[in-house]
Amino acid sequence: LTSPFPRFIFLPLNNPAVVPADMASFMKDDDIVAGVVVEGQARAYPQWVLVAYHVFNVTIGNSPLLLSHCEICSGTSSFTPMVDAFEGRTMSFQIHGIAKGTFSVYDYQTQTVWSPFTGRTMEGALHPSRMDRIPLIVEPWGDWKKRFPETEVLLATRRMIEVRDHGRGDPNTIGHDFLPDGFA
């Protein structure tokens, strides 16, 4: 399973810009989101962006978060990307390949292979380890906004998906940050 070279087939989205709900005119009430609450801050990730990136390395407040999404089964999971075996340092992730019926991810730091839905290692330097799960809610944007009116949401446009860099990447950088045209 482990490759000696990083794979840049699907680049993750790292710390994308977010906006308050009242500035999210690009969102429709029936858009499905995966929502998390970390350090008392609610944040939503639209499914139409999740399916394009699959892996998100983000920070909410001072807390790192790994979010993964499978477009085939519509499964989404979130974890704290830290383990004791890595001395409590934050890891960042990217898609690795296919394993056990879904995709696998690996961390850039040790290239350990992980299940994106159990948060457990499959092989590598940190095996056996597991990340702590962060609860999430999958529901329509309108319901999430009512539940958490002070929420933030990933700043995204449909154009963001159209220009998605699939299959390209600079191996000297981690991931791909994107801010849509018209936002500074």
C-alpha atoms as a PDB file:
ATOM      1  CA  LEU A   1       0.000   0.000   0.000  1.00  0.00           C
ATOM      2  CA  THR A   2       2.734   2.508   0.822  1.00  0.00           C
ATOM      3  CA  SER A   3       4.265   4.454  -2.025  1.00  0.00           C
ATOM      4  CA  PRO A   4       7.732   5.998  -1.662  1.00  0.00           C
ATOM      5  CA  PHE A   5       6.489   9.063  -3.556  1.00  0.00           C
ATOM      6  CA  PRO A   6       3.628  11.409  -2.663  1.00  0.00           C
ATOM      7  CA  ARG A   7       0.599  11.031  -4.912  1.00  0.00           C
ATOM      8  CA  PHE A   8      -1.016  14.120  -6.383  1.00  0.00           C
ATOM      9  CA  ILE A   9      -4.054  12.607  -8.075  1.00  0.00           C
ATOM     10  CA  PHE A  10      -6.518  14.365  -5.771  1.00  0.00           C
ATOM     11  CA  LEU A  11      -5.006  17.171  -3.781  1.00  0.00           C
ATOM     12  CA  PRO A  12      -6.505  17.989  -0.387  1.00  0.00           C
ATOM     13  CA  LEU A  13      -7.960  21.359   0.464  1.00  0.00           C
ATOM     14  CA  ASN A  14      -5.915  23.006   3.208  1.00  0.00           C
ATOM     15  CA  ASN A  15      -7.367  25.722   5.432  1.00  0.00           C
ATOM     16  CA  PRO A  16      -9.774  27.139   2.868  1.00  0.00           C
ATOM     17  CA  ALA A  17     -11.360  30.518   3.500  1.00  0.00           C
ATOM     18  CA  VAL A  18     -14.643  30.575   5.436  1.00  0.00           C
ATOM     19  CA  VAL A  19     -17.377  33.190   5.787  1.00  0.00           C
ATOM     20  CA  PRO A  20     -20.208  33.769   8.268  1.00  0.00           C
ATOM     21  CA  ALA A  21     -23.561  32.275   7.279  1.00  0.00           C
ATOM     22  CA  ASP A  22     -25.031  35.695   6.491  1.00  0.00           C
ATOM     23  CA  MET A  23     -22.366  36.199   3.793  1.00  0.00           C
ATOM     24  CA  ALA A  24     -22.932  32.796   2.171  1.00  0.00           C
ATOM     25  CA  SER A  25     -25.224  33.809  -0.698  1.00  0.00           C
ATOM     26  CA  PHE A  26     -23.689  30.985  -2.758  1.00  0.00           C
ATOM     27  CA  MET A  27     -25.352  28.413  -0.462  1.00  0.00           C
ATOM     28  CA  LYS A  28     -28.874  27.059  -1.042  1.00  0.00           C
ATOM     29  CA  ASP A  29     -30.985  25.922   1.909  1.00  0.00           C
ATOM     30  CA  ASP A  30     -31.192  22.394   0.470  1.00  0.00           C
ATOM     31  CA  ASP A  31     -27.405  22.057  -0.068  1.00  0.00           C
ATOM     32  CA  ILE A  32     -26.184  19.158   2.067  1.00  0.00           C
ATOM     33  CA  VAL A  33     -23.371  20.070   4.465  1.00  0.00           C
ATOM     34  CA  ALA A  34     -21.149  18.238   6.910  1.00  0.00           C
ATOM     35  CA  GLY A  35     -21.064  20.357  10.035  1.00  0.00           C
ATOM     36  CA  VAL A  36     -18.732  20.250  13.009  1.00  0.00           C
ATOM     37  CA  VAL A  37     -18.463  22.202  16.236  1.00  0.00           C
ATOM     38  CA  VAL A  38     -14.932  22.651  17.561  1.00  0.00           C
ATOM     39  CA  GLU A  39     -13.986  24.949  20.440  1.00  0.00           C
ATOM     40  CA  GLY A  40     -17.584  26.216  20.393  1.00  0.00           C
ATOM     41  CA  GLN A  41     -17.270  27.303  16.740  1.00  0.00           C
ATOM     42  CA  ALA A  42     -19.686  25.744  14.246  1.00  0.00           C
ATOM     43  CA  ARG A  43     -18.490  25.269  10.684  1.00  0.00           C
ATOM     44  CA  ALA A  44     -20.136  23.707   7.637  1.00  0.00           C
ATOM     45  CA  TYR A  45     -18.571  22.078   4.588  1.00  0.00           C
ATOM     46  CA  PRO A  46     -20.844  21.807   1.508  1.00  0.00           C
ATOM     47  CA  GLN A  47     -21.104  18.320   0.060  1.00  0.00           C
ATOM     48  CA  TRP A  48     -20.651  19.719  -3.455  1.00  0.00           C
ATOM     49  CA  VAL A  49     -17.146  20.785  -2.383  1.00  0.00           C
ATOM     50  CA  LEU A  50     -16.439  17.662  -0.316  1.00  0.00           C
ATOM     51  CA  VAL A  51     -16.938  15.441  -3.392  1.00  0.00           C
ATOM     52  CA  ALA A  52     -14.314  17.394  -5.338  1.00  0.00           C
ATOM     53  CA  TYR A  53     -11.551  17.343  -2.733  1.00  0.00           C
ATOM     54  CA  HIS A  54     -12.247  14.300  -0.506  1.00  0.00           C
ATOM     55  CA  VAL A  55      -9.659  15.380   2.107  1.00  0.00           C
ATOM     56  CA  PHE A  56      -9.611  18.637   4.075  1.00  0.00           C
ATOM     57  CA  ASN A  57      -6.826  19.664   6.462  1.00  0.00           C
ATOM     58  CA  VAL A  58      -8.233  22.573   8.449  1.00  0.00           C
ATOM     59  CA  THR A  59      -7.920  24.453  11.703  1.00  0.00           C
ATOM     60  CA  ILE A  60     -10.869  25.721  13.723  1.00  0.00           C
ATOM     61  CA  GLY A  61      -9.759  28.078  16.467  1.00  0.00           C
ATOM     62  CA  ASN A  62      -6.550  26.453  17.639  1.00  0.00           C
ATOM     63  CA  SER A  63      -7.698  22.919  16.845  1.00  0.00           C
ATOM     64  CA  PRO A  64      -6.580  20.987  13.762  1.00  0.00           C
ATOM     65  CA  LEU A  65      -9.171  18.887  11.960  1.00  0.00           C
ATOM     66  CA  LEU A  66      -9.050  16.194   9.285  1.00  0.00           C
ATOM     67  CA  LEU A  67     -12.256  15.880   7.292  1.00  0.00           C
ATOM     68  CA  SER A  68     -12.652  13.093   4.717  1.00  0.00           C
ATOM     69  CA  HIS A  69     -15.499  12.388   2.311  1.00  0.00           C
ATOM     70  CA  CYS A  70     -16.253   9.482  -0.021  1.00  0.00           C
ATOM     71  CA  GLU A  71     -18.320  10.592  -2.997  1.00  0.00           C
ATOM     72  CA  ILE A  72     -19.431   7.038  -3.772  1.00  0.00           C
ATOM     73  CA  CYS A  73     -21.026   6.256  -0.396  1.00  0.00           C
ATOM     74  CA  SER A  74     -21.472   9.897   0.727  1.00  0.00           C
ATOM     75  CA  GLY A  75     -19.707   9.018   3.980  1.00  0.00           C
ATOM     76  CA  THR A  76     -17.971  11.828   5.848  1.00  0.00           C
ATOM     77  CA  SER A  77     -15.734  11.579   8.916  1.00  0.00           C
ATOM     78  CA  SER A  78     -13.732  14.009  10.999  1.00  0.00           C
ATOM     79  CA  PHE A  79     -10.815  13.489  13.352  1.00  0.00           C
ATOM     80  CA  THR A  80      -8.223  15.314  15.382  1.00  0.00           C
ATOM     81  CA  PRO A  81      -5.113  14.637  13.249  1.00  0.00           C
ATOM     82  CA  MET A  82      -2.783  13.998  16.185  1.00  0.00           C
ATOM     83  CA  VAL A  83      -1.645  10.814  17.921  1.00  0.00           C
ATOM     84  CA  ASP A  84       0.634  10.108  20.880  1.00  0.00           C
ATOM     85  CA  ALA A  85       2.939   8.087  18.613  1.00  0.00           C
ATOM     86  CA  PHE A  86       3.712  11.304  16.719  1.00  0.00           C
ATOM     87  CA  GLU A  87       4.361  13.192  19.941  1.00  0.00           C
ATOM     88  CA  GLY A  88       1.065  15.052  19.712  1.00  0.00           C
ATOM     89  CA  ARG A  89       2.118  16.992  16.606  1.00  0.00           C
ATOM     90  CA  THR A  90      -0.425  17.741  13.885  1.00  0.00           C
ATOM     91  CA  MET A  91      -0.426  15.603  10.759  1.00  0.00           C
ATOM     92  CA  SER A  92      -1.787  16.617   7.367  1.00  0.00           C
ATOM     93  CA  PHE A  93      -3.285  14.169   4.912  1.00  0.00           C
ATOM     94  CA  GLN A  94      -3.802  13.355   1.265  1.00  0.00           C
ATOM     95  CA  ILE A  95      -5.467  10.524  -0.625  1.00  0.00           C
ATOM     96  CA  HIS A  96      -3.188   7.513  -0.858  1.00  0.00           C
ATOM     97  CA  GLY A  97      -5.109   4.945  -2.890  1.00  0.00           C
ATOM     98  CA  ILE A  98      -7.889   2.386  -2.664  1.00  0.00           C
ATOM     99  CA  ALA A  99      -8.099  -0.128   0.185  1.00  0.00           C
ATOM    100  CA  LYS A 100     -10.890  -2.211   1.689  1.00  0.00           C
ATOM    101  CA  GLY A 101     -13.587  -0.843  -0.622  1.00  0.00           C
ATOM    102  CA  THR A 102     -12.851   2.869  -0.237  1.00  0.00           C
ATOM    103  CA  PHE A 103      -9.984   5.278  -0.483  1.00  0.00           C
ATOM    104  CA  SER A 104      -7.134   5.388   1.997  1.00  0.00           C
ATOM    105  CA  VAL A 105      -5.172   8.441   3.108  1.00  0.00           C
ATOM    106  CA  TYR A 106      -1.631   8.940   4.274  1.00  0.00           C
ATOM    107  CA  ASP A 107      -0.032  11.580   6.409  1.00  0.00           C
ATOM    108  CA  TYR A 108       2.661  13.712   4.807  1.00  0.00           C
ATOM    109  CA  GLN A 109       4.869  13.609   7.869  1.00  0.00           C
ATOM    110  CA  THR A 110       5.448   9.838   8.185  1.00  0.00           C
ATOM    111  CA  GLN A 111       3.586   8.474   5.120  1.00  0.00           C
ATOM    112  CA  THR A 112       1.630   6.154   7.395  1.00  0.00           C
ATOM    113  CA  VAL A 113      -1.520   4.854   5.662  1.00  0.00           C
ATOM    114  CA  TRP A 114      -4.824   5.467   7.461  1.00  0.00           C
ATOM    115  CA  SER A 115      -8.479   4.566   7.058  1.00  0.00           C
ATOM    116  CA  PRO A 116     -10.344   7.852   6.541  1.00  0.00           C
ATOM    117  CA  PHE A 117     -13.451   6.490   8.247  1.00  0.00           C
ATOM    118  CA  THR A 118     -12.079   4.668  11.280  1.00  0.00           C
ATOM    119  CA  GLY A 119      -9.142   6.993  11.953  1.00  0.00           C
ATOM    120  CA  ARG A 120      -6.924   3.939  12.427  1.00  0.00           C
ATOM    121  CA  THR A 121      -3.619   3.166  10.763  1.00  0.00           C
ATOM    122  CA  MET A 122      -3.413   0.432   8.169  1.00  0.00           C
ATOM    123  CA  GLU A 123       0.378   0.327   7.871  1.00  0.00           C
ATOM    124  CA  GLY A 124       3.439   2.485   8.352  1.00  0.00           C
ATOM    125  CA  ALA A 125       5.619   4.106  10.990  1.00  0.00           C
ATOM    126  CA  LEU A 126       2.722   5.027  13.288  1.00  0.00           C
ATOM    127  CA  HIS A 127       0.954   1.631  13.081  1.00  0.00           C
ATOM    128  CA  PRO A 128      -0.923   0.793  15.266  1.00  0.00           C
ATOM    129  CA  SER A 129      -2.434   4.159  16.156  1.00  0.00           C
ATOM    130  CA  ARG A 130      -5.813   5.843  15.964  1.00  0.00           C
ATOM    131  CA  MET A 131      -7.018   9.421  15.881  1.00  0.00           C
ATOM    132  CA  ASP A 132      -9.817  10.765  18.071  1.00  0.00           C
ATOM    133  CA  ARG A 133     -13.103  11.196  16.233  1.00  0.00           C
ATOM    134  CA  ILE A 134     -14.826  14.584  16.105  1.00  0.00           C
ATOM    135  CA  PRO A 135     -18.635  14.267  15.851  1.00  0.00           C
ATOM    136  CA  LEU A 136     -20.271  15.752  12.781  1.00  0.00           C
ATOM    137  CA  ILE A 137     -23.774  16.279  11.490  1.00  0.00           C
ATOM    138  CA  VAL A 138     -24.798  15.816   7.867  1.00  0.00           C
ATOM    139  CA  GLU A 139     -27.932  17.791   7.029  1.00  0.00           C
ATOM    140  CA  PRO A 140     -29.288  20.510   4.712  1.00  0.00           C
ATOM    141  CA  TRP A 141     -27.673  23.953   5.003  1.00  0.00           C
ATOM    142  CA  GLY A 142     -30.997  25.541   6.016  1.00  0.00           C
ATOM    143  CA  ASP A 143     -31.317  23.166   8.998  1.00  0.00           C
ATOM    144  CA  TRP A 144     -27.662  23.649   9.992  1.00  0.00           C
ATOM    145  CA  LYS A 145     -28.069  27.462   9.893  1.00  0.00           C
ATOM    146  CA  LYS A 146     -31.125  27.253  12.157  1.00  0.00           C
ATOM    147  CA  ARG A 147     -29.284  24.970  14.579  1.00  0.00           C
ATOM    148  CA  PHE A 148     -26.098  27.121  14.550  1.00  0.00           C
ATOM    149  CA  PRO A 149     -26.951  30.674  13.386  1.00  0.00           C
ATOM    150  CA  GLU A 150     -23.382  31.882  14.124  1.00  0.00           C
ATOM    151  CA  THR A 151     -21.871  29.184  11.892  1.00  0.00           C
ATOM    152  CA  GLU A 152     -19.142  29.688   9.363  1.00  0.00           C
ATOM    153  CA  VAL A 153     -19.192  27.938   6.009  1.00  0.00           C
ATOM    154  CA  LEU A 154     -16.456  27.145   3.551  1.00  0.00           C
ATOM    155  CA  LEU A 155     -16.211  29.974   1.032  1.00  0.00           C
ATOM    156  CA  ALA A 156     -16.899  28.262  -2.275  1.00  0.00           C
ATOM    157  CA  THR A 157     -18.417  28.751  -5.682  1.00  0.00           C
ATOM    158  CA  ARG A 158     -19.451  26.287  -8.356  1.00  0.00           C
ATOM    159  CA  ARG A 159     -16.561  27.773 -10.398  1.00  0.00           C
ATOM    160  CA  MET A 160     -14.176  26.522  -7.705  1.00  0.00           C
ATOM    161  CA  ILE A 161     -15.139  22.972  -8.624  1.00  0.00           C
ATOM    162  CA  GLU A 162     -14.891  23.625 -12.382  1.00  0.00           C
ATOM    163  CA  VAL A 163     -11.243  24.716 -12.130  1.00  0.00           C
ATOM    164  CA  ARG A 164     -10.261  21.988  -9.627  1.00  0.00           C
ATOM    165  CA  ASP A 165      -6.651  20.853 -10.117  1.00  0.00           C
ATOM    166  CA  HIS A 166      -7.087  17.095 -10.453  1.00  0.00           C
ATOM    167  CA  GLY A 167      -3.900  15.244 -11.218  1.00  0.00           C
ATOM    168  CA  ARG A 168      -1.518  18.177 -10.851  1.00  0.00           C
ATOM    169  CA  GLY A 169       0.447  19.469  -7.943  1.00  0.00           C
ATOM    170  CA  ASP A 170       3.747  20.755  -6.724  1.00  0.00           C
ATOM    171  CA  PRO A 171       5.423  18.017  -4.667  1.00  0.00           C
ATOM    172  CA  ASN A 172       7.177  20.747  -2.665  1.00  0.00           C
ATOM    173  CA  THR A 173       3.918  22.093  -1.274  1.00  0.00           C
ATOM    174  CA  ILE A 174       1.207  20.534   0.834  1.00  0.00           C
ATOM    175  CA  GLY A 175      -2.140  20.681  -0.874  1.00  0.00           C
ATOM    176  CA  HIS A 176      -3.976  23.351  -2.749  1.00  0.00           C
ATOM    177  CA  ASP A 177      -5.563  26.460  -1.273  1.00  0.00           C
ATOM    178  CA  PHE A 178      -8.134  28.242  -3.390  1.00  0.00           C
ATOM    179  CA  LEU A 179      -9.940  31.545  -3.037  1.00  0.00           C
ATOM    180  CA  PRO A 180     -12.592  32.203  -5.705  1.00  0.00           C
ATOM    181  CA  ASP A 181     -12.336  35.235  -8.010  1.00  0.00           C
ATOM    182  CA  GLY A 182     -13.690  38.400  -6.449  1.00  0.00           C
ATOM    183  CA  PHE A 183     -12.605  37.563  -2.893  1.00  0.00           C
ATOM    184  CA  ALA A 184      -9.448  39.059  -1.430  1.00  0.00           C
END
